[in-house]
Amino acid sequence: KDLVLWHDGECWRCMDDMCAHRFAPLSEGRVFRRTGETTSRRCISCSYHGWEFDGQGSCTKIPQALNPTEAAKSARVASYPVRIGAGIIWVWPDEFSSPFAETVPLPISPMLRQWQREYPQ
């Protein structure tokens, strides 16, 4: 399965690397702050037709629709839980495992823990 990993301005996000519309790779799109947005949060946009998705995989805008935000409500892309540990981005490949992903200890080797102590981020 191909995934796209991106930063929404506050945290890392991971989603299926395919737009809900024509399955174009989202990794070929762009990450940007929407016009008029007051937070630092960004969205990812498909390069093919410009559909926009938030960090949870929900489509937030379909530019070609008569009502772009209303039309987007039914489209989504699978989004996966992400955690950071020892400078590594860990992804759980099940979009419904968020509670588990937040509590399970990460399998970080002692060498990585030592590296993290010596070279803090």
C-alpha atoms as a PDB file:
ATOM      1  CA  LYS A   1       0.000   0.000   0.000  1.00  0.00           C
ATOM      2  CA  ASP A   2       1.342   3.447  -0.888  1.00  0.00           C
ATOM      3  CA  LEU A   3       1.099   6.108   1.814  1.00  0.00           C
ATOM      4  CA  VAL A   4       1.660   9.848   1.870  1.00  0.00           C
ATOM      5  CA  LEU A   5       3.328  11.367   4.927  1.00  0.00           C
ATOM      6  CA  TRP A   6       2.945  15.111   5.452  1.00  0.00           C
ATOM      7  CA  HIS A   7       3.015  17.795   8.147  1.00  0.00           C
ATOM      8  CA  ASP A   8      -0.137  19.843   8.688  1.00  0.00           C
ATOM      9  CA  GLY A   9       1.656  22.650  10.534  1.00  0.00           C
ATOM     10  CA  GLU A  10       1.097  21.077  13.952  1.00  0.00           C
ATOM     11  CA  CYS A  11       1.765  17.352  13.573  1.00  0.00           C
ATOM     12  CA  TRP A  12       2.668  14.611  11.113  1.00  0.00           C
ATOM     13  CA  ARG A  13      -0.120  12.946   9.156  1.00  0.00           C
ATOM     14  CA  CYS A  14      -0.251   9.715   7.168  1.00  0.00           C
ATOM     15  CA  MET A  15      -2.909   8.797   4.635  1.00  0.00           C
ATOM     16  CA  ASP A  16      -3.450   6.501   1.680  1.00  0.00           C
ATOM     17  CA  ASP A  17      -1.596   7.977  -1.266  1.00  0.00           C
ATOM     18  CA  MET A  18      -4.669   8.201  -3.462  1.00  0.00           C
ATOM     19  CA  CYS A  19      -7.297  10.851  -3.928  1.00  0.00           C
ATOM     20  CA  ALA A  20     -10.867   9.733  -3.269  1.00  0.00           C
ATOM     21  CA  HIS A  21     -11.891  11.062  -6.681  1.00  0.00           C
ATOM     22  CA  ARG A  22      -9.711   9.534  -9.425  1.00  0.00           C
ATOM     23  CA  PHE A  23      -7.103   7.800  -7.243  1.00  0.00           C
ATOM     24  CA  ALA A  24      -4.329  10.213  -8.276  1.00  0.00           C
ATOM     25  CA  PRO A  25      -1.353  10.138  -5.862  1.00  0.00           C
ATOM     26  CA  LEU A  26      -1.744  12.755  -3.136  1.00  0.00           C
ATOM     27  CA  SER A  27       2.054  12.717  -2.779  1.00  0.00           C
ATOM     28  CA  GLU A  28       2.195  14.571  -6.098  1.00  0.00           C
ATOM     29  CA  GLY A  29      -0.102  17.281  -4.749  1.00  0.00           C
ATOM     30  CA  ARG A  30       0.750  20.095  -2.374  1.00  0.00           C
ATOM     31  CA  VAL A  31       0.393  20.983   1.290  1.00  0.00           C
ATOM     32  CA  PHE A  32      -0.824  24.507   2.032  1.00  0.00           C
ATOM     33  CA  ARG A  33      -2.864  26.674   4.369  1.00  0.00           C
ATOM     34  CA  ARG A  34      -6.326  27.321   2.980  1.00  0.00           C
ATOM     35  CA  THR A  35      -7.243  30.879   2.049  1.00  0.00           C
ATOM     36  CA  GLY A  36      -8.865  32.621   4.982  1.00  0.00           C
ATOM     37  CA  GLU A  37      -7.702  29.961   7.481  1.00  0.00           C
ATOM     38  CA  THR A  38      -6.758  31.514  10.838  1.00  0.00           C
ATOM     39  CA  THR A  39      -4.877  28.532  12.311  1.00  0.00           C
ATOM     40  CA  SER A  40      -1.485  27.150  11.330  1.00  0.00           C
ATOM     41  CA  ARG A  41      -3.148  23.912  10.161  1.00  0.00           C
ATOM     42  CA  ARG A  42      -2.621  22.946   6.560  1.00  0.00           C
ATOM     43  CA  CYS A  43      -4.378  20.584   4.164  1.00  0.00           C
ATOM     44  CA  ILE A  44      -3.154  18.364   1.356  1.00  0.00           C
ATOM     45  CA  SER A  45      -4.479  18.916  -2.137  1.00  0.00           C
ATOM     46  CA  CYS A  46      -4.651  16.493  -5.051  1.00  0.00           C
ATOM     47  CA  SER A  47      -2.661  17.656  -8.074  1.00  0.00           C
ATOM     48  CA  TYR A  48      -5.223  16.249 -10.506  1.00  0.00           C
ATOM     49  CA  HIS A  49      -8.444  18.161  -9.669  1.00  0.00           C
ATOM     50  CA  GLY A  50      -7.470  20.074  -6.531  1.00  0.00           C
ATOM     51  CA  TRP A  51      -9.620  18.227  -4.012  1.00  0.00           C
ATOM     52  CA  GLU A  52      -8.487  19.192  -0.494  1.00  0.00           C
ATOM     53  CA  PHE A  53      -8.202  16.860   2.511  1.00  0.00           C
ATOM     54  CA  ASP A  54      -7.584  17.602   6.196  1.00  0.00           C
ATOM     55  CA  GLY A  55      -5.335  15.569   8.506  1.00  0.00           C
ATOM     56  CA  GLN A  56      -8.132  13.105   9.337  1.00  0.00           C
ATOM     57  CA  GLY A  57      -8.613  12.293   5.641  1.00  0.00           C
ATOM     58  CA  SER A  58     -11.902  14.169   5.290  1.00  0.00           C
ATOM     59  CA  CYS A  59     -12.386  16.029   2.048  1.00  0.00           C
ATOM     60  CA  THR A  60     -12.879  19.709   2.845  1.00  0.00           C
ATOM     61  CA  LYS A  61     -13.231  21.212  -0.628  1.00  0.00           C
ATOM     62  CA  ILE A  62     -14.077  20.152  -4.174  1.00  0.00           C
ATOM     63  CA  PRO A  63     -13.244  23.220  -6.296  1.00  0.00           C
ATOM     64  CA  GLN A  64     -15.365  22.159  -9.307  1.00  0.00           C
ATOM     65  CA  ALA A  65     -18.601  21.731  -7.321  1.00  0.00           C
ATOM     66  CA  LEU A  66     -21.323  24.385  -7.160  1.00  0.00           C
ATOM     67  CA  ASN A  67     -21.012  24.297  -3.364  1.00  0.00           C
ATOM     68  CA  PRO A  68     -17.361  23.163  -2.854  1.00  0.00           C
ATOM     69  CA  THR A  69     -17.502  22.539   0.905  1.00  0.00           C
ATOM     70  CA  GLU A  70     -20.945  20.889   0.965  1.00  0.00           C
ATOM     71  CA  ALA A  71     -20.075  18.490  -1.867  1.00  0.00           C
ATOM     72  CA  ALA A  72     -16.884  17.432  -0.083  1.00  0.00           C
ATOM     73  CA  LYS A  73     -18.607  16.047   3.022  1.00  0.00           C
ATOM     74  CA  SER A  74     -19.065  12.518   1.658  1.00  0.00           C
ATOM     75  CA  ALA A  75     -15.509  11.966   0.341  1.00  0.00           C
ATOM     76  CA  ARG A  76     -12.580  10.813   2.450  1.00  0.00           C
ATOM     77  CA  VAL A  77      -9.203   9.073   2.351  1.00  0.00           C
ATOM     78  CA  ALA A  78      -8.038   6.561   4.976  1.00  0.00           C
ATOM     79  CA  SER A  79      -5.884   8.290   7.605  1.00  0.00           C
ATOM     80  CA  TYR A  80      -3.548   6.410   9.955  1.00  0.00           C
ATOM     81  CA  PRO A  81      -2.326   7.093  13.511  1.00  0.00           C
ATOM     82  CA  VAL A  82       1.204   8.490  13.756  1.00  0.00           C
ATOM     83  CA  ARG A  83       3.644   8.840  16.673  1.00  0.00           C
ATOM     84  CA  ILE A  84       7.160  10.218  16.912  1.00  0.00           C
ATOM     85  CA  GLY A  85       9.822   8.353  18.889  1.00  0.00           C
ATOM     86  CA  ALA A  86      13.632   8.535  18.774  1.00  0.00           C
ATOM     87  CA  GLY A  87      13.438  10.793  15.740  1.00  0.00           C
ATOM     88  CA  ILE A  88      11.405   8.219  13.802  1.00  0.00           C
ATOM     89  CA  ILE A  89       7.854   8.619  12.533  1.00  0.00           C
ATOM     90  CA  TRP A  90       5.872   5.495  13.460  1.00  0.00           C
ATOM     91  CA  VAL A  91       2.710   4.709  11.492  1.00  0.00           C
ATOM     92  CA  TRP A  92      -0.019   2.235  12.464  1.00  0.00           C
ATOM     93  CA  PRO A  93      -1.408   0.745   9.220  1.00  0.00           C
ATOM     94  CA  ASP A  94      -4.948   0.479  10.589  1.00  0.00           C
ATOM     95  CA  GLU A  95      -7.000   3.660  10.629  1.00  0.00           C
ATOM     96  CA  PHE A  96      -9.120   2.404  13.535  1.00  0.00           C
ATOM     97  CA  SER A  97      -6.200   1.636  15.878  1.00  0.00           C
ATOM     98  CA  SER A  98      -5.740   5.159  17.214  1.00  0.00           C
ATOM     99  CA  PRO A  99      -6.414   4.295  20.906  1.00  0.00           C
ATOM    100  CA  PHE A 100      -3.984   1.367  20.680  1.00  0.00           C
ATOM    101  CA  ALA A 101      -1.360   3.411  18.819  1.00  0.00           C
ATOM    102  CA  GLU A 102      -1.363   6.066  21.543  1.00  0.00           C
ATOM    103  CA  THR A 103      -0.667   3.622  24.372  1.00  0.00           C
ATOM    104  CA  VAL A 104       1.547   0.818  23.042  1.00  0.00           C
ATOM    105  CA  PRO A 105       5.270   1.191  23.849  1.00  0.00           C
ATOM    106  CA  LEU A 106       7.316   1.896  20.741  1.00  0.00           C
ATOM    107  CA  PRO A 107       9.894  -0.785  19.811  1.00  0.00           C
ATOM    108  CA  ILE A 108      12.873   1.541  20.167  1.00  0.00           C
ATOM    109  CA  SER A 109      16.252  -0.155  20.542  1.00  0.00           C
ATOM    110  CA  PRO A 110      18.604   0.877  23.393  1.00  0.00           C
ATOM    111  CA  MET A 111      21.028   2.287  20.803  1.00  0.00           C
ATOM    112  CA  LEU A 112      18.349   4.642  19.475  1.00  0.00           C
ATOM    113  CA  ARG A 113      17.486   5.739  23.005  1.00  0.00           C
ATOM    114  CA  GLN A 114      21.166   6.488  23.656  1.00  0.00           C
ATOM    115  CA  TRP A 115      21.404   8.427  20.375  1.00  0.00           C
ATOM    116  CA  GLN A 116      18.297  10.410  21.352  1.00  0.00           C
ATOM    117  CA  ARG A 117      19.870  11.330  24.724  1.00  0.00           C
ATOM    118  CA  GLU A 118      23.155  12.376  23.125  1.00  0.00           C
ATOM    119  CA  TYR A 119      21.594  14.269  20.231  1.00  0.00           C
ATOM    120  CA  PRO A 120      18.271  15.700  21.428  1.00  0.00           C
ATOM    121  CA  GLN A 121      15.963  17.167  18.814  1.00  0.00           C
END
